[in-house]
Amino acid sequence: MERLLYVVDDERLIAEIVEQIFQIEGFTVQVFSDPTEALKAFSESTRKPDVLVTDYVMKPLNGMELMQKCRALHPSLLTVLFSGNVTEKITDLYAQKPNAFVAKPFQPMALVNLVRHLIEHPS
C-alpha cells in the first residue's frame, strides 16, 4: 500500500522540494502551504496520512498546534516537525511531542530515511 504524507510548510518552494523527493521515493504526498487548509483536509479525509511532516513557524497555527489538532482526530498519527528558526527545545512547551524533529537545512534523503524509519518502527 502506498504511504500517504501530508507536507505543510508556508514556504512553498521547500514544500514542493520535499514533495518531489518523497514522490520519487514512492510516497503519495499532499502539500499544504496553509496549516488551516491541512487541518480541514485532515478532518474531512477518510484516509488519514501515515505521517504529517510540518514546519514549526506558520500562521495562524504553528506546526505543534497543527500536530496536536490532527492527533486529537487521529491519536496514532506519526509526526515530524522541522524548522530553521527554532530548536527542538520548543517542543518542551507542549504536552505532546513530535515523533522526530529536523533542523533546516536538512538533507532530503535523511528526511526520507527518517520517515521510513518512523513508519517501520513507530514508537
PDB file of N, CA and C in Angstrom:
ATOM      1  N   MET A   1       0.838  -1.189   0.000  1.00  0.00           N
ATOM      2  CA  MET A   1       0.000   0.000   0.000  1.00  0.00           C
ATOM      3  C   MET A   1       0.880   1.249   0.000  1.00  0.00           C
ATOM      4  N   GLU A   2       0.499   2.208  -0.812  1.00  0.00           N
ATOM      5  CA  GLU A   2       1.254   3.454  -0.854  1.00  0.00           C
ATOM      6  C   GLU A   2       1.142   4.180   0.478  1.00  0.00           C
ATOM      7  N   ARG A   3       2.207   4.824   0.843  1.00  0.00           N
ATOM      8  CA  ARG A   3       2.221   5.620   2.069  1.00  0.00           C
ATOM      9  C   ARG A   3       1.825   7.045   1.735  1.00  0.00           C
ATOM     10  N   LEU A   4       0.934   7.601   2.542  1.00  0.00           N
ATOM     11  CA  LEU A   4       0.457   8.963   2.330  1.00  0.00           C
ATOM     12  C   LEU A   4       1.111   9.899   3.336  1.00  0.00           C
ATOM     13  N   LEU A   5       1.665  10.981   2.816  1.00  0.00           N
ATOM     14  CA  LEU A   5       2.277  12.012   3.651  1.00  0.00           C
ATOM     15  C   LEU A   5       1.553  13.325   3.432  1.00  0.00           C
ATOM     16  N   TYR A   6       1.355  14.071   4.518  1.00  0.00           N
ATOM     17  CA  TYR A   6       0.964  15.472   4.415  1.00  0.00           C
ATOM     18  C   TYR A   6       2.223  16.275   4.697  1.00  0.00           C
ATOM     19  N   VAL A   7       2.546  17.194   3.807  1.00  0.00           N
ATOM     20  CA  VAL A   7       3.672  18.104   3.999  1.00  0.00           C
ATOM     21  C   VAL A   7       3.082  19.505   4.112  1.00  0.00           C
ATOM     22  N   VAL A   8       3.390  20.172   5.230  1.00  0.00           N
ATOM     23  CA  VAL A   8       2.823  21.501   5.484  1.00  0.00           C
ATOM     24  C   VAL A   8       3.966  22.475   5.747  1.00  0.00           C
ATOM     25  N   ASP A   9       4.094  23.448   4.860  1.00  0.00           N
ATOM     26  CA  ASP A   9       5.127  24.481   5.009  1.00  0.00           C
ATOM     27  C   ASP A   9       4.663  25.710   4.252  1.00  0.00           C
ATOM     28  N   ASP A  10       4.660  26.858   4.925  1.00  0.00           N
ATOM     29  CA  ASP A  10       4.225  28.077   4.253  1.00  0.00           C
ATOM     30  C   ASP A  10       5.270  28.603   3.273  1.00  0.00           C
ATOM     31  N   GLU A  11       6.457  28.020   3.279  1.00  0.00           N
ATOM     32  CA  GLU A  11       7.455  28.322   2.250  1.00  0.00           C
ATOM     33  C   GLU A  11       7.230  27.319   1.124  1.00  0.00           C
ATOM     34  N   ARG A  12       6.500  27.744   0.117  1.00  0.00           N
ATOM     35  CA  ARG A  12       6.039  26.852  -0.949  1.00  0.00           C
ATOM     36  C   ARG A  12       7.191  26.100  -1.615  1.00  0.00           C
ATOM     37  N   LEU A  13       8.312  26.753  -1.853  1.00  0.00           N
ATOM     38  CA  LEU A  13       9.436  26.104  -2.519  1.00  0.00           C
ATOM     39  C   LEU A  13       9.930  24.903  -1.723  1.00  0.00           C
ATOM     40  N   ILE A  14      10.059  25.063  -0.417  1.00  0.00           N
ATOM     41  CA  ILE A  14      10.511  23.950   0.426  1.00  0.00           C
ATOM     42  C   ILE A  14       9.497  22.810   0.369  1.00  0.00           C
ATOM     43  N   ALA A  15       8.227  23.145   0.467  1.00  0.00           N
ATOM     44  CA  ALA A  15       7.180  22.116   0.411  1.00  0.00           C
ATOM     45  C   ALA A  15       7.236  21.357  -0.909  1.00  0.00           C
ATOM     46  N   GLU A  16       7.445  22.061  -2.003  1.00  0.00           N
ATOM     47  CA  GLU A  16       7.489  21.417  -3.313  1.00  0.00           C
ATOM     48  C   GLU A  16       8.718  20.526  -3.467  1.00  0.00           C
ATOM     49  N   ILE A  17       9.857  20.954  -2.932  1.00  0.00           N
ATOM     50  CA  ILE A  17      11.063  20.121  -2.983  1.00  0.00           C
ATOM     51  C   ILE A  17      10.845  18.839  -2.181  1.00  0.00           C
ATOM     52  N   VAL A  18      10.307  18.991  -0.973  1.00  0.00           N
ATOM     53  CA  VAL A  18      10.033  17.815  -0.130  1.00  0.00           C
ATOM     54  C   VAL A  18       9.042  16.892  -0.842  1.00  0.00           C
ATOM     55  N   GLU A  19       8.023  17.472  -1.449  1.00  0.00           N
ATOM     56  CA  GLU A  19       7.024  16.680  -2.177  1.00  0.00           C
ATOM     57  C   GLU A  19       7.692  15.863  -3.287  1.00  0.00           C
ATOM     58  N   GLN A  20       8.514  16.496  -4.096  1.00  0.00           N
ATOM     59  CA  GLN A  20       9.157  15.812  -5.221  1.00  0.00           C
ATOM     60  C   GLN A  20      10.049  14.674  -4.750  1.00  0.00           C
ATOM     61  N   ILE A  21      10.800  14.895  -3.689  1.00  0.00           N
ATOM     62  CA  ILE A  21      11.703  13.861  -3.180  1.00  0.00           C
ATOM     63  C   ILE A  21      10.910  12.648  -2.697  1.00  0.00           C
ATOM     64  N   PHE A  22       9.853  12.894  -1.940  1.00  0.00           N
ATOM     65  CA  PHE A  22       9.054  11.775  -1.448  1.00  0.00           C
ATOM     66  C   PHE A  22       8.329  11.063  -2.588  1.00  0.00           C
ATOM     67  N   GLN A  23       7.879  11.788  -3.591  1.00  0.00           N
ATOM     68  CA  GLN A  23       7.226  11.150  -4.734  1.00  0.00           C
ATOM     69  C   GLN A  23       8.203  10.249  -5.484  1.00  0.00           C
ATOM     70  N   ILE A  24       9.417  10.715  -5.664  1.00  0.00           N
ATOM     71  CA  ILE A  24      10.448   9.899  -6.313  1.00  0.00           C
ATOM     72  C   ILE A  24      10.670   8.615  -5.531  1.00  0.00           C
ATOM     73  N   GLU A  25      10.556   8.706  -4.213  1.00  0.00           N
ATOM     74  CA  GLU A  25      10.769   7.545  -3.345  1.00  0.00           C
ATOM     75  C   GLU A  25       9.518   6.683  -3.175  1.00  0.00           C
ATOM     76  N   GLY A  26       8.451   7.004  -3.920  1.00  0.00           N
ATOM     77  CA  GLY A  26       7.278   6.146  -3.941  1.00  0.00           C
ATOM     78  C   GLY A  26       6.150   6.509  -2.987  1.00  0.00           C
ATOM     79  N   PHE A  27       6.242   7.665  -2.360  1.00  0.00           N
ATOM     80  CA  PHE A  27       5.192   8.108  -1.451  1.00  0.00           C
ATOM     81  C   PHE A  27       4.129   8.903  -2.209  1.00  0.00           C
ATOM     82  N   THR A  28       2.914   8.887  -1.694  1.00  0.00           N
ATOM     83  CA  THR A  28       1.871   9.794  -2.152  1.00  0.00           C
ATOM     84  C   THR A  28       1.918  10.991  -1.218  1.00  0.00           C
ATOM     85  N   VAL A  29       1.941  12.183  -1.789  1.00  0.00           N
ATOM     86  CA  VAL A  29       2.144  13.388  -0.973  1.00  0.00           C
ATOM     87  C   VAL A  29       1.054  14.409  -1.258  1.00  0.00           C
ATOM     88  N   GLN A  30       0.508  14.966  -0.196  1.00  0.00           N
ATOM     89  CA  GLN A  30      -0.367  16.123  -0.303  1.00  0.00           C
ATOM     90  C   GLN A  30       0.347  17.283   0.359  1.00  0.00           C
ATOM     91  N   VAL A  31       0.456  18.401  -0.362  1.00  0.00           N
ATOM     92  CA  VAL A  31       1.179  19.569   0.122  1.00  0.00           C
ATOM     93  C   VAL A  31       0.198  20.684   0.453  1.00  0.00           C
ATOM     94  N   PHE A  32       0.474  21.335   1.568  1.00  0.00           N
ATOM     95  CA  PHE A  32      -0.332  22.462   2.008  1.00  0.00           C
ATOM     96  C   PHE A  32       0.598  23.596   2.399  1.00  0.00           C
ATOM     97  N   SER A  33       0.250  24.830   1.977  1.00  0.00           N
ATOM     98  CA  SER A  33       1.037  25.987   2.411  1.00  0.00           C
ATOM     99  C   SER A  33       0.335  26.731   3.540  1.00  0.00           C
ATOM    100  N   ASP A  34      -0.884  26.307   3.860  1.00  0.00           N
ATOM    101  CA  ASP A  34      -1.657  26.918   4.933  1.00  0.00           C
ATOM    102  C   ASP A  34      -2.059  25.812   5.919  1.00  0.00           C
ATOM    103  N   PRO A  35      -1.651  25.927   7.172  1.00  0.00           N
ATOM    104  CA  PRO A  35      -1.966  24.870   8.134  1.00  0.00           C
ATOM    105  C   PRO A  35      -3.462  24.676   8.370  1.00  0.00           C
ATOM    106  N   THR A  36      -4.268  25.726   8.206  1.00  0.00           N
ATOM    107  CA  THR A  36      -5.709  25.550   8.390  1.00  0.00           C
ATOM    108  C   THR A  36      -6.300  24.716   7.252  1.00  0.00           C
ATOM    109  N   GLU A  37      -5.754  24.858   6.054  1.00  0.00           N
ATOM    110  CA  GLU A  37      -6.192  24.021   4.931  1.00  0.00           C
ATOM    111  C   GLU A  37      -5.802  22.567   5.175  1.00  0.00           C
ATOM    112  N   ALA A  38      -4.620  22.360   5.718  1.00  0.00           N
ATOM    113  CA  ALA A  38      -4.169  20.999   6.032  1.00  0.00           C
ATOM    114  C   ALA A  38      -5.079  20.367   7.083  1.00  0.00           C
ATOM    115  N   LEU A  39      -5.427  21.126   8.105  1.00  0.00           N
ATOM    116  CA  LEU A  39      -6.305  20.618   9.159  1.00  0.00           C
ATOM    117  C   LEU A  39      -7.692  20.297   8.606  1.00  0.00           C
ATOM    118  N   LYS A  40      -8.201  21.149   7.741  1.00  0.00           N
ATOM    119  CA  LYS A  40      -9.512  20.915   7.135  1.00  0.00           C
ATOM    120  C   LYS A  40      -9.482  19.626   6.310  1.00  0.00           C
ATOM    121  N   ALA A  41      -8.457  19.471   5.474  1.00  0.00           N
ATOM    122  CA  ALA A  41      -8.328  18.259   4.658  1.00  0.00           C
ATOM    123  C   ALA A  41      -8.190  17.031   5.541  1.00  0.00           C
ATOM    124  N   PHE A  42      -7.408  17.151   6.606  1.00  0.00           N
ATOM    125  CA  PHE A  42      -7.198  16.040   7.526  1.00  0.00           C
ATOM    126  C   PHE A  42      -8.521  15.615   8.165  1.00  0.00           C
ATOM    127  N   SER A  43      -9.274  16.588   8.635  1.00  0.00           N
ATOM    128  CA  SER A  43     -10.517  16.265   9.331  1.00  0.00           C
ATOM    129  C   SER A  43     -11.580  15.710   8.388  1.00  0.00           C
ATOM    130  N   GLU A  44     -11.565  16.117   7.125  1.00  0.00           N
ATOM    131  CA  GLU A  44     -12.581  15.680   6.172  1.00  0.00           C
ATOM    132  C   GLU A  44     -12.214  14.396   5.437  1.00  0.00           C
ATOM    133  N   SER A  45     -10.951  14.011   5.470  1.00  0.00           N
ATOM    134  CA  SER A  45     -10.498  12.852   4.708  1.00  0.00           C
ATOM    135  C   SER A  45     -10.799  11.541   5.434  1.00  0.00           C
ATOM    136  N   THR A  46     -11.241  10.563   4.673  1.00  0.00           N
ATOM    137  CA  THR A  46     -11.444   9.243   5.268  1.00  0.00           C
ATOM    138  C   THR A  46     -10.116   8.505   5.386  1.00  0.00           C
ATOM    139  N   ARG A  47      -9.184   8.800   4.509  1.00  0.00           N
ATOM    140  CA  ARG A  47      -7.848   8.201   4.590  1.00  0.00           C
ATOM    141  C   ARG A  47      -6.902   9.209   5.236  1.00  0.00           C
ATOM    142  N   LYS A  48      -6.458   8.879   6.429  1.00  0.00           N
ATOM    143  CA  LYS A  48      -5.533   9.764   7.133  1.00  0.00           C
ATOM    144  C   LYS A  48      -4.107   9.501   6.654  1.00  0.00           C
ATOM    145  N   PRO A  49      -3.257  10.514   6.705  1.00  0.00           N
ATOM    146  CA  PRO A  49      -1.869  10.296   6.285  1.00  0.00           C
ATOM    147  C   PRO A  49      -1.142   9.379   7.267  1.00  0.00           C
ATOM    148  N   ASP A  50      -0.129   8.698   6.750  1.00  0.00           N
ATOM    149  CA  ASP A  50       0.734   7.887   7.615  1.00  0.00           C
ATOM    150  C   ASP A  50       1.612   8.789   8.462  1.00  0.00           C
ATOM    151  N   VAL A  51       2.036   9.917   7.863  1.00  0.00           N
ATOM    152  CA  VAL A  51       2.929  10.846   8.560  1.00  0.00           C
ATOM    153  C   VAL A  51       2.557  12.280   8.189  1.00  0.00           C
ATOM    154  N   LEU A  52       2.584  13.152   9.184  1.00  0.00           N
ATOM    155  CA  LEU A  52       2.456  14.593   8.988  1.00  0.00           C
ATOM    156  C   LEU A  52       3.847  15.188   9.147  1.00  0.00           C
ATOM    157  N   VAL A  53       4.336  15.823   8.092  1.00  0.00           N
ATOM    158  CA  VAL A  53       5.638  16.497   8.116  1.00  0.00           C
ATOM    159  C   VAL A  53       5.336  17.983   8.031  1.00  0.00           C
ATOM    160  N   THR A  54       5.664  18.720   9.093  1.00  0.00           N
ATOM    161  CA  THR A  54       5.254  20.128   9.140  1.00  0.00           C
ATOM    162  C   THR A  54       6.348  21.055   9.660  1.00  0.00           C
ATOM    163  N   ASP A  55       6.349  22.240   9.107  1.00  0.00           N
ATOM    164  CA  ASP A  55       7.211  23.308   9.593  1.00  0.00           C
ATOM    165  C   ASP A  55       6.648  23.803  10.919  1.00  0.00           C
ATOM    166  N   TYR A  56       7.484  24.417  11.728  1.00  0.00           N
ATOM    167  CA  TYR A  56       7.010  24.958  13.001  1.00  0.00           C
ATOM    168  C   TYR A  56       6.417  26.358  12.823  1.00  0.00           C
ATOM    169  N   VAL A  57       7.170  27.258  12.208  1.00  0.00           N
ATOM    170  CA  VAL A  57       6.764  28.661  12.148  1.00  0.00           C
ATOM    171  C   VAL A  57       5.802  28.886  10.979  1.00  0.00           C
ATOM    172  N   MET A  58       4.515  28.965  11.308  1.00  0.00           N
ATOM    173  CA  MET A  58       3.466  29.250  10.328  1.00  0.00           C
ATOM    174  C   MET A  58       2.342  29.978  11.048  1.00  0.00           C
ATOM    175  N   LYS A  59       1.452  30.574  10.269  1.00  0.00           N
ATOM    176  CA  LYS A  59       0.279  31.239  10.833  1.00  0.00           C
ATOM    177  C   LYS A  59      -0.938  30.765  10.066  1.00  0.00           C
ATOM    178  N   PRO A  60      -2.086  30.703  10.646  1.00  0.00           N
ATOM    179  CA  PRO A  60      -2.434  31.080  12.011  1.00  0.00           C
ATOM    180  C   PRO A  60      -2.126  29.991  13.040  1.00  0.00           C
ATOM    181  N   LEU A  61      -1.793  28.776  12.591  1.00  0.00           N
ATOM    182  CA  LEU A  61      -1.384  27.700  13.508  1.00  0.00           C
ATOM    183  C   LEU A  61       0.090  27.413  13.298  1.00  0.00           C
ATOM    184  N   ASN A  62       0.839  27.198  14.377  1.00  0.00           N
ATOM    185  CA  ASN A  62       2.209  26.731  14.174  1.00  0.00           C
ATOM    186  C   ASN A  62       2.172  25.202  14.022  1.00  0.00           C
ATOM    187  N   GLY A  63       3.297  24.627  13.678  1.00  0.00           N
ATOM    188  CA  GLY A  63       3.352  23.191  13.421  1.00  0.00           C
ATOM    189  C   GLY A  63       2.956  22.332  14.607  1.00  0.00           C
ATOM    190  N   MET A  64       3.313  22.752  15.804  1.00  0.00           N
ATOM    191  CA  MET A  64       2.937  21.980  17.002  1.00  0.00           C
ATOM    192  C   MET A  64       1.426  22.042  17.234  1.00  0.00           C
ATOM    193  N   GLU A  65       0.827  23.203  17.026  1.00  0.00           N
ATOM    194  CA  GLU A  65      -0.624  23.320  17.181  1.00  0.00           C
ATOM    195  C   GLU A  65      -1.350  22.462  16.142  1.00  0.00           C
ATOM    196  N   LEU A  66      -0.858  22.488  14.909  1.00  0.00           N
ATOM    197  CA  LEU A  66      -1.429  21.654  13.856  1.00  0.00           C
ATOM    198  C   LEU A  66      -1.319  20.178  14.226  1.00  0.00           C
ATOM    199  N   MET A  67      -0.145  19.782  14.677  1.00  0.00           N
ATOM    200  CA  MET A  67       0.075  18.388  15.067  1.00  0.00           C
ATOM    201  C   MET A  67      -0.914  17.972  16.167  1.00  0.00           C
ATOM    202  N   GLN A  68      -1.074  18.805  17.182  1.00  0.00           N
ATOM    203  CA  GLN A  68      -1.970  18.467  18.295  1.00  0.00           C
ATOM    204  C   GLN A  68      -3.414  18.354  17.835  1.00  0.00           C
ATOM    205  N   LYS A  69      -3.860  19.244  16.948  1.00  0.00           N
ATOM    206  CA  LYS A  69      -5.240  19.188  16.453  1.00  0.00           C
ATOM    207  C   LYS A  69      -5.461  17.939  15.587  1.00  0.00           C
ATOM    208  N   CYS A  70      -4.470  17.571  14.785  1.00  0.00           N
ATOM    209  CA  CYS A  70      -4.585  16.363  13.963  1.00  0.00           C
ATOM    210  C   CYS A  70      -4.568  15.111  14.841  1.00  0.00           C
ATOM    211  N   ARG A  71      -3.724  15.097  15.844  1.00  0.00           N
ATOM    212  CA  ARG A  71      -3.676  13.935  16.738  1.00  0.00           C
ATOM    213  C   ARG A  71      -4.949  13.807  17.575  1.00  0.00           C
ATOM    214  N   ALA A  72      -5.637  14.902  17.833  1.00  0.00           N
ATOM    215  CA  ALA A  72      -6.913  14.815  18.548  1.00  0.00           C
ATOM    216  C   ALA A  72      -7.923  14.017  17.717  1.00  0.00           C
ATOM    217  N   LEU A  73      -7.785  14.103  16.396  1.00  0.00           N
ATOM    218  CA  LEU A  73      -8.674  13.380  15.487  1.00  0.00           C
ATOM    219  C   LEU A  73      -8.167  11.972  15.175  1.00  0.00           C
ATOM    220  N   HIS A  74      -6.850  11.794  15.254  1.00  0.00           N
ATOM    221  CA  HIS A  74      -6.220  10.520  14.888  1.00  0.00           C
ATOM    222  C   HIS A  74      -4.980  10.330  15.785  1.00  0.00           C
ATOM    223  N   PRO A  75      -5.182   9.803  17.000  1.00  0.00           N
ATOM    224  CA  PRO A  75      -4.121   9.768  18.009  1.00  0.00           C
ATOM    225  C   PRO A  75      -2.826   9.044  17.611  1.00  0.00           C
ATOM    226  N   SER A  76      -2.894   8.101  16.699  1.00  0.00           N
ATOM    227  CA  SER A  76      -1.681   7.354  16.342  1.00  0.00           C
ATOM    228  C   SER A  76      -0.880   8.009  15.210  1.00  0.00           C
ATOM    229  N   LEU A  77      -1.266   9.219  14.803  1.00  0.00           N
ATOM    230  CA  LEU A  77      -0.577   9.915  13.722  1.00  0.00           C
ATOM    231  C   LEU A  77       0.909  10.101  14.038  1.00  0.00           C
ATOM    232  N   LEU A  78       1.761   9.723  13.093  1.00  0.00           N
ATOM    233  CA  LEU A  78       3.198   9.963  13.208  1.00  0.00           C
ATOM    234  C   LEU A  78       3.486  11.374  12.715  1.00  0.00           C
ATOM    235  N   THR A  79       4.385  12.076  13.412  1.00  0.00           N
ATOM    236  CA  THR A  79       4.648  13.471  13.062  1.00  0.00           C
ATOM    237  C   THR A  79       6.139  13.776  13.044  1.00  0.00           C
ATOM    238  N   VAL A  80       6.506  14.626  12.088  1.00  0.00           N
ATOM    239  CA  VAL A  80       7.871  15.142  12.004  1.00  0.00           C
ATOM    240  C   VAL A  80       7.751  16.659  11.948  1.00  0.00           C
ATOM    241  N   LEU A  81       8.404  17.323  12.880  1.00  0.00           N
ATOM    242  CA  LEU A  81       8.441  18.782  12.934  1.00  0.00           C
ATOM    243  C   LEU A  81       9.795  19.232  12.418  1.00  0.00           C
ATOM    244  N   PHE A  82       9.794  20.239  11.528  1.00  0.00           N
ATOM    245  CA  PHE A  82      11.076  20.794  11.109  1.00  0.00           C
ATOM    246  C   PHE A  82      11.044  22.307  11.211  1.00  0.00           C
ATOM    247  N   SER A  83      12.228  22.885  11.357  1.00  0.00           N
ATOM    248  CA  SER A  83      12.309  24.337  11.484  1.00  0.00           C
ATOM    249  C   SER A  83      13.725  24.826  11.259  1.00  0.00           C
ATOM    250  N   GLY A  84      13.802  26.019  10.695  1.00  0.00           N
ATOM    251  CA  GLY A  84      15.079  26.710  10.583  1.00  0.00           C
ATOM    252  C   GLY A  84      15.161  27.852  11.568  1.00  0.00           C
ATOM    253  N   ASN A  85      14.081  28.063  12.324  1.00  0.00           N
ATOM    254  CA  ASN A  85      14.001  29.213  13.229  1.00  0.00           C
ATOM    255  C   ASN A  85      14.076  28.862  14.700  1.00  0.00           C
ATOM    256  N   VAL A  86      13.712  27.641  15.048  1.00  0.00           N
ATOM    257  CA  VAL A  86      13.725  27.226  16.450  1.00  0.00           C
ATOM    258  C   VAL A  86      14.430  25.877  16.561  1.00  0.00           C
ATOM    259  N   THR A  87      14.791  25.527  17.785  1.00  0.00           N
ATOM    260  CA  THR A  87      15.424  24.229  18.019  1.00  0.00           C
ATOM    261  C   THR A  87      14.379  23.263  18.585  1.00  0.00           C
ATOM    262  N   GLU A  88      14.788  22.039  18.785  1.00  0.00           N
ATOM    263  CA  GLU A  88      13.895  21.023  19.327  1.00  0.00           C
ATOM    264  C   GLU A  88      13.374  21.400  20.716  1.00  0.00           C
ATOM    265  N   LYS A  89      14.070  22.277  21.406  1.00  0.00           N
ATOM    266  CA  LYS A  89      13.645  22.710  22.746  1.00  0.00           C
ATOM    267  C   LYS A  89      12.239  23.314  22.736  1.00  0.00           C
ATOM    268  N   ILE A  90      11.803  23.843  21.583  1.00  0.00           N
ATOM    269  CA  ILE A  90      10.465  24.443  21.501  1.00  0.00           C
ATOM    270  C   ILE A  90       9.395  23.416  21.858  1.00  0.00           C
ATOM    271  N   THR A  91       9.666  22.153  21.604  1.00  0.00           N
ATOM    272  CA  THR A  91       8.666  21.115  21.880  1.00  0.00           C
ATOM    273  C   THR A  91       8.436  20.930  23.377  1.00  0.00           C
ATOM    274  N   ASP A  92       9.359  21.421  24.197  1.00  0.00           N
ATOM    275  CA  ASP A  92       9.186  21.335  25.653  1.00  0.00           C
ATOM    276  C   ASP A  92       7.984  22.151  26.139  1.00  0.00           C
ATOM    277  N   LEU A  93       7.539  23.094  25.333  1.00  0.00           N
ATOM    278  CA  LEU A  93       6.408  23.936  25.701  1.00  0.00           C
ATOM    279  C   LEU A  93       5.062  23.245  25.496  1.00  0.00           C
ATOM    280  N   TYR A  94       5.091  22.049  24.897  1.00  0.00           N
ATOM    281  CA  TYR A  94       3.857  21.350  24.534  1.00  0.00           C
ATOM    282  C   TYR A  94       3.771  19.996  25.229  1.00  0.00           C
ATOM    283  N   ALA A  95       2.544  19.604  25.557  1.00  0.00           N
ATOM    284  CA  ALA A  95       2.336  18.315  26.222  1.00  0.00           C
ATOM    285  C   ALA A  95       2.670  17.157  25.282  1.00  0.00           C
ATOM    286  N   GLN A  96       2.249  17.259  24.039  1.00  0.00           N
ATOM    287  CA  GLN A  96       2.560  16.218  23.055  1.00  0.00           C
ATOM    288  C   GLN A  96       3.853  16.574  22.334  1.00  0.00           C
ATOM    289  N   LYS A  97       4.581  15.553  21.964  1.00  0.00           N
ATOM    290  CA  LYS A  97       5.852  15.750  21.254  1.00  0.00           C
ATOM    291  C   LYS A  97       5.750  15.150  19.860  1.00  0.00           C
ATOM    292  N   PRO A  98       6.457  15.716  18.897  1.00  0.00           N
ATOM    293  CA  PRO A  98       6.515  15.073  17.591  1.00  0.00           C
ATOM    294  C   PRO A  98       7.339  13.786  17.699  1.00  0.00           C
ATOM    295  N   ASN A  99       7.167  12.894  16.745  1.00  0.00           N
ATOM    296  CA  ASN A  99       7.980  11.674  16.738  1.00  0.00           C
ATOM    297  C   ASN A  99       9.431  11.991  16.402  1.00  0.00           C
ATOM    298  N   ALA A 100       9.642  13.090  15.670  1.00  0.00           N
ATOM    299  CA  ALA A 100      11.009  13.483  15.308  1.00  0.00           C
ATOM    300  C   ALA A 100      11.043  14.978  15.026  1.00  0.00           C
ATOM    301  N   PHE A 101      12.228  15.557  15.196  1.00  0.00           N
ATOM    302  CA  PHE A 101      12.473  16.962  14.887  1.00  0.00           C
ATOM    303  C   PHE A 101      13.658  17.021  13.924  1.00  0.00           C
ATOM    304  N   VAL A 102      13.548  17.855  12.899  1.00  0.00           N
ATOM    305  CA  VAL A 102      14.619  18.011  11.915  1.00  0.00           C
ATOM    306  C   VAL A 102      14.899  19.501  11.758  1.00  0.00           C
ATOM    307  N   ALA A 103      16.165  19.867  11.867  1.00  0.00           N
ATOM    308  CA  ALA A 103      16.557  21.263  11.688  1.00  0.00           C
ATOM    309  C   ALA A 103      16.777  21.548  10.205  1.00  0.00           C
ATOM    310  N   LYS A 104      16.305  22.716   9.760  1.00  0.00           N
ATOM    311  CA  LYS A 104      16.592  23.186   8.402  1.00  0.00           C
ATOM    312  C   LYS A 104      17.953  23.861   8.434  1.00  0.00           C
ATOM    313  N   PRO A 105      18.729  23.792   7.408  1.00  0.00           N
ATOM    314  CA  PRO A 105      18.506  22.972   6.224  1.00  0.00           C
ATOM    315  C   PRO A 105      18.790  21.501   6.531  1.00  0.00           C
ATOM    316  N   PHE A 106      18.103  20.623   5.828  1.00  0.00           N
ATOM    317  CA  PHE A 106      18.299  19.194   6.038  1.00  0.00           C
ATOM    318  C   PHE A 106      18.597  18.520   4.707  1.00  0.00           C
ATOM    319  N   GLN A 107      19.222  17.361   4.800  1.00  0.00           N
ATOM    320  CA  GLN A 107      19.471  16.569   3.605  1.00  0.00           C
ATOM    321  C   GLN A 107      18.182  15.851   3.242  1.00  0.00           C
ATOM    322  N   PRO A 108      17.695  16.017   2.029  1.00  0.00           N
ATOM    323  CA  PRO A 108      16.413  15.401   1.654  1.00  0.00           C
ATOM    324  C   PRO A 108      16.337  13.901   1.920  1.00  0.00           C
ATOM    325  N   MET A 109      17.370  13.159   1.591  1.00  0.00           N
ATOM    326  CA  MET A 109      17.307  11.713   1.807  1.00  0.00           C
ATOM    327  C   MET A 109      17.333  11.368   3.294  1.00  0.00           C
ATOM    328  N   ALA A 110      17.919  12.221   4.110  1.00  0.00           N
ATOM    329  CA  ALA A 110      17.890  11.986   5.557  1.00  0.00           C
ATOM    330  C   ALA A 110      16.447  12.084   6.055  1.00  0.00           C
ATOM    331  N   LEU A 111      15.681  13.022   5.506  1.00  0.00           N
ATOM    332  CA  LEU A 111      14.270  13.154   5.887  1.00  0.00           C
ATOM    333  C   LEU A 111      13.477  11.934   5.419  1.00  0.00           C
ATOM    334  N   VAL A 112      13.722  11.485   4.201  1.00  0.00           N
ATOM    335  CA  VAL A 112      13.037  10.289   3.678  1.00  0.00           C
ATOM    336  C   VAL A 112      13.355   9.078   4.561  1.00  0.00           C
ATOM    337  N   ASN A 113      14.622   8.897   4.879  1.00  0.00           N
ATOM    338  CA  ASN A 113      15.018   7.757   5.711  1.00  0.00           C
ATOM    339  C   ASN A 113      14.409   7.836   7.102  1.00  0.00           C
ATOM    340  N   LEU A 114      14.319   9.027   7.655  1.00  0.00           N
ATOM    341  CA  LEU A 114      13.701   9.221   8.961  1.00  0.00           C
ATOM    342  C   LEU A 114      12.220   8.830   8.917  1.00  0.00           C
ATOM    343  N   VAL A 115      11.515   9.282   7.898  1.00  0.00           N
ATOM    344  CA  VAL A 115      10.090   8.962   7.761  1.00  0.00           C
ATOM    345  C   VAL A 115       9.907   7.451   7.589  1.00  0.00           C
ATOM    346  N   ARG A 116      10.733   6.847   6.763  1.00  0.00           N
ATOM    347  CA  ARG A 116      10.651   5.387   6.594  1.00  0.00           C
ATOM    348  C   ARG A 116      10.859   4.670   7.930  1.00  0.00           C
ATOM    349  N   HIS A 117      11.841   5.128   8.681  1.00  0.00           N
ATOM    350  CA  HIS A 117      12.126   4.512   9.982  1.00  0.00           C
ATOM    351  C   HIS A 117      10.917   4.651  10.920  1.00  0.00           C
ATOM    352  N   LEU A 118      10.297   5.829  10.950  1.00  0.00           N
ATOM    353  CA  LEU A 118       9.127   6.032  11.808  1.00  0.00           C
ATOM    354  C   LEU A 118       7.982   5.097  11.426  1.00  0.00           C
ATOM    355  N   ILE A 119       7.769   4.927  10.123  1.00  0.00           N
ATOM    356  CA  ILE A 119       6.696   4.063   9.654  1.00  0.00           C
ATOM    357  C   ILE A 119       6.979   2.612  10.024  1.00  0.00           C
ATOM    358  N   GLU A 120       8.228   2.205   9.864  1.00  0.00           N
ATOM    359  CA  GLU A 120       8.605   0.811  10.145  1.00  0.00           C
ATOM    360  C   GLU A 120       8.711   0.522  11.631  1.00  0.00           C
ATOM    361  N   HIS A 121       9.048   1.531  12.424  1.00  0.00           N
ATOM    362  CA  HIS A 121       9.251   1.363  13.867  1.00  0.00           C
ATOM    363  C   HIS A 121       8.532   2.446  14.656  1.00  0.00           C
ATOM    364  N   PRO A 122       7.196   2.506  14.583  1.00  0.00           N
ATOM    365  CA  PRO A 122       6.500   3.539  15.353  1.00  0.00           C
ATOM    366  C   PRO A 122       6.700   3.339  16.841  1.00  0.00           C
ATOM    367  N   SER A 123       6.925   4.438  17.542  1.00  0.00           N
ATOM    368  CA  SER A 123       7.179   4.310  18.990  1.00  0.00           C
ATOM    369  C   SER A 123       6.062   4.883  19.796  1.00  0.00           C
TER     370      SER A 123
END
